Amino acid sequence: MQTFKVTAERGTSGIWVLECDELGVVSQTTHLDQAEAEVVEAIAHQSGLDPAEFRIEVTTS
């Protein structure tokens, strides 16, 4: 199973910016605990994989 790394960085407005550099995916969320749910569809689209075929690892910076 493939793992995609997503970096979450809190912006000045309090919104979390989510980036998966490997795929060029960028998203955002107001709550860090929702980060995976916010990027899963974009990662699936960019990678061509079904969400059941990969994991997402979110780290903060």
PDB file of N, CA and C in Angstrom:
ATOM      1  N   MET A   1       0.845  -1.177   0.000  1.00  0.00           N
ATOM      2  CA  MET A   1       0.000   0.000   0.000  1.00  0.00           C
ATOM      3  C   MET A   1       0.890   1.241   0.000  1.00  0.00           C
ATOM      4  N   GLN A   2       0.560   2.183  -0.850  1.00  0.00           N
ATOM      5  CA  GLN A   2       1.339   3.413  -0.961  1.00  0.00           C
ATOM      6  C   GLN A   2       0.919   4.411   0.107  1.00  0.00           C
ATOM      7  N   THR A   3       1.898   5.143   0.616  1.00  0.00           N
ATOM      8  CA  THR A   3       1.635   6.193   1.606  1.00  0.00           C
ATOM      9  C   THR A   3       2.025   7.539   1.013  1.00  0.00           C
ATOM     10  N   PHE A   4       1.104   8.489   1.086  1.00  0.00           N
ATOM     11  CA  PHE A   4       1.378   9.847   0.639  1.00  0.00           C
ATOM     12  C   PHE A   4       1.532  10.738   1.860  1.00  0.00           C
ATOM     13  N   LYS A   5       2.594  11.524   1.862  1.00  0.00           N
ATOM     14  CA  LYS A   5       2.864  12.428   2.984  1.00  0.00           C
ATOM     15  C   LYS A   5       2.237  13.795   2.700  1.00  0.00           C
ATOM     16  N   VAL A   6       1.478  14.272   3.676  1.00  0.00           N
ATOM     17  CA  VAL A   6       0.828  15.573   3.581  1.00  0.00           C
ATOM     18  C   VAL A   6       1.339  16.437   4.721  1.00  0.00           C
ATOM     19  N   THR A   7       1.791  17.639   4.384  1.00  0.00           N
ATOM     20  CA  THR A   7       2.254  18.591   5.381  1.00  0.00           C
ATOM     21  C   THR A   7       1.144  19.604   5.643  1.00  0.00           C
ATOM     22  N   ALA A   8       0.850  19.807   6.920  1.00  0.00           N
ATOM     23  CA  ALA A   8      -0.164  20.784   7.323  1.00  0.00           C
ATOM     24  C   ALA A   8       0.537  21.955   7.995  1.00  0.00           C
ATOM     25  N   GLU A   9       0.266  23.141   7.477  1.00  0.00           N
ATOM     26  CA  GLU A   9       0.862  24.351   8.045  1.00  0.00           C
ATOM     27  C   GLU A   9      -0.248  25.357   8.316  1.00  0.00           C
ATOM     28  N   ARG A  10      -0.268  25.874   9.531  1.00  0.00           N
ATOM     29  CA  ARG A  10      -1.318  26.823   9.902  1.00  0.00           C
ATOM     30  C   ARG A  10      -1.002  28.197   9.322  1.00  0.00           C
ATOM     31  N   GLY A  11      -1.954  28.722   8.560  1.00  0.00           N
ATOM     32  CA  GLY A  11      -1.794  30.039   7.959  1.00  0.00           C
ATOM     33  C   GLY A  11      -2.106  31.139   8.957  1.00  0.00           C
ATOM     34  N   THR A  12      -1.860  32.374   8.554  1.00  0.00           N
ATOM     35  CA  THR A  12      -2.086  33.516   9.444  1.00  0.00           C
ATOM     36  C   THR A  12      -3.560  33.720   9.784  1.00  0.00           C
ATOM     37  N   SER A  13      -4.452  33.216   8.933  1.00  0.00           N
ATOM     38  CA  SER A  13      -5.887  33.361   9.193  1.00  0.00           C
ATOM     39  C   SER A  13      -6.439  32.224  10.049  1.00  0.00           C
ATOM     40  N   GLY A  14      -5.573  31.282  10.429  1.00  0.00           N
ATOM     41  CA  GLY A  14      -6.011  30.158  11.247  1.00  0.00           C
ATOM     42  C   GLY A  14      -6.412  28.928  10.448  1.00  0.00           C
ATOM     43  N   ILE A  15      -6.411  29.032   9.138  1.00  0.00           N
ATOM     44  CA  ILE A  15      -6.734  27.900   8.267  1.00  0.00           C
ATOM     45  C   ILE A  15      -5.491  27.035   8.094  1.00  0.00           C
ATOM     46  N   TRP A  16      -5.679  25.716   8.107  1.00  0.00           N
ATOM     47  CA  TRP A  16      -4.582  24.788   7.858  1.00  0.00           C
ATOM     48  C   TRP A  16      -4.437  24.579   6.357  1.00  0.00           C
ATOM     49  N   VAL A  17      -3.242  24.810   5.827  1.00  0.00           N
ATOM     50  CA  VAL A  17      -2.941  24.568   4.427  1.00  0.00           C
ATOM     51  C   VAL A  17      -2.301  23.187   4.334  1.00  0.00           C
ATOM     52  N   LEU A  18      -2.853  22.346   3.478  1.00  0.00           N
ATOM     53  CA  LEU A  18      -2.423  20.957   3.349  1.00  0.00           C
ATOM     54  C   LEU A  18      -1.736  20.765   2.005  1.00  0.00           C
ATOM     55  N   GLU A  19      -0.520  20.215   2.016  1.00  0.00           N
ATOM     56  CA  GLU A  19       0.228  20.032   0.780  1.00  0.00           C
ATOM     57  C   GLU A  19       0.808  18.630   0.682  1.00  0.00           C
ATOM     58  N   CYS A  20       0.580  18.008  -0.464  1.00  0.00           N
ATOM     59  CA  CYS A  20       1.227  16.745  -0.795  1.00  0.00           C
ATOM     60  C   CYS A  20       2.167  17.063  -1.954  1.00  0.00           C
ATOM     61  N   ASP A  21       3.425  17.314  -1.638  1.00  0.00           N
ATOM     62  CA  ASP A  21       4.405  17.723  -2.646  1.00  0.00           C
ATOM     63  C   ASP A  21       4.577  16.682  -3.747  1.00  0.00           C
ATOM     64  N   GLU A  22       4.491  15.424  -3.386  1.00  0.00           N
ATOM     65  CA  GLU A  22       4.704  14.336  -4.341  1.00  0.00           C
ATOM     66  C   GLU A  22       3.740  14.419  -5.526  1.00  0.00           C
ATOM     67  N   LEU A  23       2.503  14.843  -5.247  1.00  0.00           N
ATOM     68  CA  LEU A  23       1.482  14.896  -6.297  1.00  0.00           C
ATOM     69  C   LEU A  23       1.093  16.318  -6.696  1.00  0.00           C
ATOM     70  N   GLY A  24       1.603  17.311  -5.986  1.00  0.00           N
ATOM     71  CA  GLY A  24       1.228  18.683  -6.265  1.00  0.00           C
ATOM     72  C   GLY A  24      -0.176  19.032  -5.792  1.00  0.00           C
ATOM     73  N   VAL A  25      -0.655  18.313  -4.797  1.00  0.00           N
ATOM     74  CA  VAL A  25      -1.999  18.533  -4.257  1.00  0.00           C
ATOM     75  C   VAL A  25      -1.932  19.566  -3.137  1.00  0.00           C
ATOM     76  N   VAL A  26      -2.827  20.542  -3.182  1.00  0.00           N
ATOM     77  CA  VAL A  26      -2.940  21.540  -2.130  1.00  0.00           C
ATOM     78  C   VAL A  26      -4.418  21.650  -1.763  1.00  0.00           C
ATOM     79  N   SER A  27      -4.694  21.684  -0.468  1.00  0.00           N
ATOM     80  CA  SER A  27      -6.058  21.836   0.022  1.00  0.00           C
ATOM     81  C   SER A  27      -5.996  22.632   1.314  1.00  0.00           C
ATOM     82  N   GLN A  28      -7.134  22.796   1.945  1.00  0.00           N
ATOM     83  CA  GLN A  28      -7.152  23.496   3.228  1.00  0.00           C
ATOM     84  C   GLN A  28      -8.296  22.984   4.080  1.00  0.00           C
ATOM     85  N   THR A  29      -8.168  23.231   5.385  1.00  0.00           N
ATOM     86  CA  THR A  29      -9.204  22.839   6.329  1.00  0.00           C
ATOM     87  C   THR A  29      -9.151  23.777   7.534  1.00  0.00           C
ATOM     88  N   THR A  30     -10.267  23.891   8.206  1.00  0.00           N
ATOM     89  CA  THR A  30     -10.286  24.713   9.413  1.00  0.00           C
ATOM     90  C   THR A  30      -9.889  23.908  10.640  1.00  0.00           C
ATOM     91  N   HIS A  31     -10.019  22.586  10.554  1.00  0.00           N
ATOM     92  CA  HIS A  31      -9.709  21.716  11.690  1.00  0.00           C
ATOM     93  C   HIS A  31      -8.700  20.655  11.270  1.00  0.00           C
ATOM     94  N   LEU A  32      -7.602  20.590  11.966  1.00  0.00           N
ATOM     95  CA  LEU A  32      -6.534  19.661  11.620  1.00  0.00           C
ATOM     96  C   LEU A  32      -6.997  18.207  11.635  1.00  0.00           C
ATOM     97  N   ASP A  33      -7.920  17.858  12.521  1.00  0.00           N
ATOM     98  CA  ASP A  33      -8.391  16.471  12.577  1.00  0.00           C
ATOM     99  C   ASP A  33      -9.195  16.064  11.337  1.00  0.00           C
ATOM    100  N   GLN A  34      -9.496  17.012  10.451  1.00  0.00           N
ATOM    101  CA  GLN A  34     -10.217  16.724   9.215  1.00  0.00           C
ATOM    102  C   GLN A  34      -9.296  16.748   7.990  1.00  0.00           C
ATOM    103  N   ALA A  35      -8.009  16.861   8.220  1.00  0.00           N
ATOM    104  CA  ALA A  35      -7.041  17.003   7.124  1.00  0.00           C
ATOM    105  C   ALA A  35      -7.097  15.828   6.151  1.00  0.00           C
ATOM    106  N   GLU A  36      -7.082  14.626   6.653  1.00  0.00           N
ATOM    107  CA  GLU A  36      -7.094  13.457   5.774  1.00  0.00           C
ATOM    108  C   GLU A  36      -8.346  13.430   4.911  1.00  0.00           C
ATOM    109  N   ALA A  37      -9.488  13.693   5.506  1.00  0.00           N
ATOM    110  CA  ALA A  37     -10.748  13.697   4.756  1.00  0.00           C
ATOM    111  C   ALA A  37     -10.751  14.775   3.674  1.00  0.00           C
ATOM    112  N   GLU A  38     -10.071  15.880   3.918  1.00  0.00           N
ATOM    113  CA  GLU A  38     -10.039  16.977   2.955  1.00  0.00           C
ATOM    114  C   GLU A  38      -9.178  16.669   1.737  1.00  0.00           C
ATOM    115  N   VAL A  39      -8.108  15.905   1.895  1.00  0.00           N
ATOM    116  CA  VAL A  39      -7.188  15.684   0.771  1.00  0.00           C
ATOM    117  C   VAL A  39      -7.363  14.340   0.076  1.00  0.00           C
ATOM    118  N   VAL A  40      -8.125  13.435   0.641  1.00  0.00           N
ATOM    119  CA  VAL A  40      -8.208  12.084   0.079  1.00  0.00           C
ATOM    120  C   VAL A  40      -8.733  12.088  -1.361  1.00  0.00           C
ATOM    121  N   GLU A  41      -9.750  12.860  -1.657  1.00  0.00           N
ATOM    122  CA  GLU A  41     -10.307  12.873  -3.009  1.00  0.00           C
ATOM    123  C   GLU A  41      -9.317  13.446  -4.023  1.00  0.00           C
ATOM    124  N   ALA A  42      -8.637  14.524  -3.642  1.00  0.00           N
ATOM    125  CA  ALA A  42      -7.656  15.134  -4.536  1.00  0.00           C
ATOM    126  C   ALA A  42      -6.477  14.193  -4.779  1.00  0.00           C
ATOM    127  N   ILE A  43      -6.040  13.508  -3.745  1.00  0.00           N
ATOM    128  CA  ILE A  43      -4.937  12.553  -3.902  1.00  0.00           C
ATOM    129  C   ILE A  43      -5.367  11.387  -4.778  1.00  0.00           C
ATOM    130  N   ALA A  44      -6.572  10.893  -4.585  1.00  0.00           N
ATOM    131  CA  ALA A  44      -7.077   9.804  -5.421  1.00  0.00           C
ATOM    132  C   ALA A  44      -7.116  10.230  -6.887  1.00  0.00           C
ATOM    133  N   HIS A  45      -7.592  11.430  -7.142  1.00  0.00           N
ATOM    134  CA  HIS A  45      -7.687  11.932  -8.510  1.00  0.00           C
ATOM    135  C   HIS A  45      -6.301  12.076  -9.146  1.00  0.00           C
ATOM    136  N   GLN A  46      -5.380  12.702  -8.439  1.00  0.00           N
ATOM    137  CA  GLN A  46      -4.044  12.945  -8.988  1.00  0.00           C
ATOM    138  C   GLN A  46      -3.239  11.660  -9.160  1.00  0.00           C
ATOM    139  N   SER A  47      -3.416  10.711  -8.244  1.00  0.00           N
ATOM    140  CA  SER A  47      -2.623   9.478  -8.300  1.00  0.00           C
ATOM    141  C   SER A  47      -3.243   8.415  -9.192  1.00  0.00           C
ATOM    142  N   GLY A  48      -4.563   8.532  -9.436  1.00  0.00           N
ATOM    143  CA  GLY A  48      -5.254   7.495 -10.206  1.00  0.00           C
ATOM    144  C   GLY A  48      -5.554   6.261  -9.387  1.00  0.00           C
ATOM    145  N   LEU A  49      -5.384   6.358  -8.074  1.00  0.00           N
ATOM    146  CA  LEU A  49      -5.625   5.233  -7.181  1.00  0.00           C
ATOM    147  C   LEU A  49      -6.966   5.382  -6.475  1.00  0.00           C
ATOM    148  N   ASP A  50      -7.536   4.253  -6.121  1.00  0.00           N
ATOM    149  CA  ASP A  50      -8.727   4.240  -5.285  1.00  0.00           C
ATOM    150  C   ASP A  50      -8.292   4.568  -3.855  1.00  0.00           C
ATOM    151  N   PRO A  51      -9.076   5.325  -3.097  1.00  0.00           N
ATOM    152  CA  PRO A  51      -8.679   5.643  -1.718  1.00  0.00           C
ATOM    153  C   PRO A  51      -8.348   4.418  -0.857  1.00  0.00           C
ATOM    154  N   ALA A  52      -8.895   3.271  -1.186  1.00  0.00           N
ATOM    155  CA  ALA A  52      -8.579   2.046  -0.431  1.00  0.00           C
ATOM    156  C   ALA A  52      -7.175   1.531  -0.733  1.00  0.00           C
ATOM    157  N   GLU A  53      -6.538   2.099  -1.764  1.00  0.00           N
ATOM    158  CA  GLU A  53      -5.224   1.628  -2.184  1.00  0.00           C
ATOM    159  C   GLU A  53      -4.063   2.446  -1.620  1.00  0.00           C
ATOM    160  N   PHE A  54      -4.365   3.470  -0.815  1.00  0.00           N
ATOM    161  CA  PHE A  54      -3.279   4.280  -0.265  1.00  0.00           C
ATOM    162  C   PHE A  54      -3.614   4.773   1.134  1.00  0.00           C
ATOM    163  N   ARG A  55      -2.555   5.200   1.818  1.00  0.00           N
ATOM    164  CA  ARG A  55      -2.682   5.816   3.140  1.00  0.00           C
ATOM    165  C   ARG A  55      -2.202   7.251   3.036  1.00  0.00           C
ATOM    166  N   ILE A  56      -2.654   8.063   3.991  1.00  0.00           N
ATOM    167  CA  ILE A  56      -2.218   9.452   4.061  1.00  0.00           C
ATOM    168  C   ILE A  56      -1.589   9.673   5.424  1.00  0.00           C
ATOM    169  N   GLU A  57      -0.401  10.226   5.417  1.00  0.00           N
ATOM    170  CA  GLU A  57       0.319  10.541   6.660  1.00  0.00           C
ATOM    171  C   GLU A  57       0.418  12.061   6.768  1.00  0.00           C
ATOM    172  N   VAL A  58      -0.258  12.636   7.747  1.00  0.00           N
ATOM    173  CA  VAL A  58      -0.275  14.087   7.925  1.00  0.00           C
ATOM    174  C   VAL A  58       0.704  14.473   9.031  1.00  0.00           C
ATOM    175  N   THR A  59       1.597  15.424   8.700  1.00  0.00           N
ATOM    176  CA  THR A  59       2.511  15.970   9.700  1.00  0.00           C
ATOM    177  C   THR A  59       2.355  17.493   9.696  1.00  0.00           C
ATOM    178  N   THR A  60       2.622  18.105  10.829  1.00  0.00           N
ATOM    179  CA  THR A  60       2.531  19.556  10.912  1.00  0.00           C
ATOM    180  C   THR A  60       3.923  20.177  10.815  1.00  0.00           C
ATOM    181  N   SER A  61       3.938  21.389  10.326  1.00  0.00           N
ATOM    182  CA  SER A  61       5.230  22.091  10.242  1.00  0.00           C
ATOM    183  C   SER A  61       5.110  23.442  10.884  1.00  0.00           C
TER     184      SER A  61
END
